[in-house]
């Protein structure tokens, strides 16, 4: 529930912080392979935290861009399927400036979730 604290994003961040700050150093000394696996788990938790925090707004922006681009309403999945159909049918290509702007914005949102330090 949105009014409950801590939020899912806050819980994920707290778990990732604790594991990063407490567990990784201990595991690196005692069991390096587990230390590496813990780093992978912590990075995964960070992605989940960003997805919980940033994902809904990113999805809303993507859906709105698709509505504008395609000229019709629908769910995000339906609109993406229609765009994919148009691309496969050759009805849109890289010369479509509106399409390219949509793809660039969508990719930027996905990168912000997956790896915000990537430039």
Protein backbone atom coordinates (compact mmCIF):
# COMPACT_ATOMS: atom_id res chain seq x y z
CA UNK A 1 0.00 0.00 0.00
CA UNK A 2 1.32 3.40 -0.97
CA UNK A 3 0.67 5.01 2.41
CA UNK A 4 2.60 2.33 4.32
CA UNK A 5 6.17 2.99 5.38
CA UNK A 6 8.71 1.81 4.65
CA UNK A 7 7.86 1.52 0.98
CA UNK A 8 9.01 -1.42 -1.11
CA UNK A 9 11.74 0.76 -2.63
CA UNK A 10 12.92 1.84 0.84
CA UNK A 11 13.02 -1.78 2.06
CA UNK A 12 14.99 -2.90 -0.98
CA UNK A 13 17.45 -0.03 -0.52
CA UNK A 14 17.88 -0.82 3.19
CA UNK A 15 18.55 -4.51 2.49
CA UNK A 16 21.04 -3.67 -0.27
CA UNK A 17 22.82 -1.14 1.96
CA UNK A 18 23.10 -3.60 4.86
CA UNK A 19 24.43 -6.38 2.65
CA UNK A 20 26.86 -4.03 0.89
CA UNK A 21 28.12 -2.45 4.13
CA UNK A 22 28.15 -5.53 6.36
CA UNK A 23 28.18 -8.80 4.47
CA UNK A 24 30.38 -8.27 1.42
CA UNK A 25 33.57 -7.44 3.32
CA UNK A 26 33.17 -10.46 5.59
CA UNK A 27 32.42 -12.79 2.69
CA UNK A 28 35.30 -11.43 0.59
CA UNK A 29 37.72 -12.51 3.34
CA UNK A 30 36.10 -15.80 4.29
CA UNK A 31 34.66 -16.97 0.98
CA UNK A 32 35.54 -14.82 -2.07
CA UNK A 33 33.14 -16.69 -4.37
CA UNK A 34 30.25 -15.89 -2.04
CA UNK A 35 31.46 -12.29 -1.81
CA UNK A 36 31.15 -12.03 -5.58
CA UNK A 37 27.69 -13.60 -5.51
CA UNK A 38 26.67 -11.18 -2.77
CA UNK A 39 27.77 -8.24 -4.97
CA UNK A 40 25.58 -9.62 -7.77
CA UNK A 41 22.67 -9.93 -5.32
CA UNK A 42 23.20 -6.39 -4.01
CA UNK A 43 23.29 -5.01 -7.56
CA UNK A 44 20.07 -6.91 -8.32
CA UNK A 45 18.41 -5.43 -5.25
CA UNK A 46 19.47 -1.95 -6.37
CA UNK A 47 17.87 -2.55 -9.78
CA UNK A 48 14.67 -3.74 -8.09
CA UNK A 49 14.67 -0.64 -5.86
CA UNK A 50 15.01 1.67 -8.86
CA UNK A 51 12.33 -0.30 -10.71
CA UNK A 52 9.94 0.11 -7.78
CA UNK A 53 10.73 3.82 -7.48
CA UNK A 54 11.14 4.87 -11.13
CA UNK A 55 9.32 2.19 -13.11
CA UNK A 56 5.70 3.37 -12.79
CA UNK A 57 6.49 6.88 -14.03
CA UNK A 58 8.69 5.51 -16.82
CA UNK A 59 5.86 3.20 -17.91
CA UNK A 60 3.35 6.08 -17.89
CA UNK A 61 5.67 8.24 -20.00
CA UNK A 62 6.27 5.39 -22.46
CA UNK A 63 2.55 4.68 -22.77
CA UNK A 64 1.78 8.35 -23.37
CA UNK A 65 4.47 8.60 -26.04
CA UNK A 66 3.08 5.48 -27.73
CA UNK A 67 -0.47 6.87 -27.67
CA UNK A 68 0.81 10.00 -29.40
CA UNK A 69 3.01 8.07 -31.83
CA UNK A 70 0.38 5.50 -32.80
CA UNK A 71 -2.68 7.74 -32.54
CA UNK A 72 -4.66 5.28 -30.44
CA UNK A 73 -5.24 4.27 -26.83
CA UNK A 74 -4.32 0.95 -25.28
CA UNK A 75 -2.32 -0.70 -22.56
CA UNK A 76 1.46 -0.40 -22.66
CA UNK A 77 1.71 -4.03 -23.82
CA UNK A 78 -0.89 -3.55 -26.56
CA UNK A 79 0.76 -0.39 -27.83
CA UNK A 80 4.22 -1.98 -27.85
CA UNK A 81 2.82 -4.97 -29.77
CA UNK A 82 1.30 -2.59 -32.34
CA UNK A 83 4.57 -0.70 -32.69
CA UNK A 84 6.45 -3.98 -33.16
CA UNK A 85 3.92 -5.03 -35.80
CA UNK A 86 4.39 -1.74 -37.64
CA UNK A 87 8.16 -2.11 -37.53
CA UNK A 88 8.03 -5.70 -38.82
CA UNK A 89 5.65 -4.65 -41.60
CA UNK A 90 7.99 -1.85 -42.65
CA UNK A 91 5.42 0.81 -41.83
CA UNK A 92 7.96 2.65 -39.63
CA UNK A 93 11.72 2.85 -39.74
CA UNK A 94 14.70 4.83 -38.46
CA UNK A 95 13.77 7.77 -40.68
CA UNK A 96 10.69 8.39 -38.50
CA UNK A 97 11.86 11.18 -36.16
CA UNK A 98 8.96 10.67 -33.72
CA UNK A 99 9.76 6.96 -33.48
CA UNK A 100 13.44 7.62 -32.85
CA UNK A 101 12.64 10.22 -30.14
CA UNK A 102 10.32 7.70 -28.47
CA UNK A 103 12.95 4.95 -28.57
CA UNK A 104 15.67 7.24 -27.20
CA UNK A 105 13.45 8.36 -24.29
CA UNK A 106 12.39 4.78 -23.53
CA UNK A 107 16.00 3.57 -23.55
CA UNK A 108 17.07 6.45 -21.28
CA UNK A 109 14.40 5.47 -18.74
CA UNK A 110 15.44 1.81 -18.88
CA UNK A 111 19.11 2.69 -18.40
CA UNK A 112 18.24 4.92 -15.43
CA UNK A 113 16.75 1.82 -13.81
CA UNK A 114 19.29 -0.79 -14.91
CA UNK A 115 22.51 1.20 -14.48
CA UNK A 116 22.20 4.92 -13.73
CA UNK A 117 26.00 5.38 -13.84
CA UNK A 118 26.17 4.32 -17.49
CA UNK A 119 26.72 7.25 -19.82
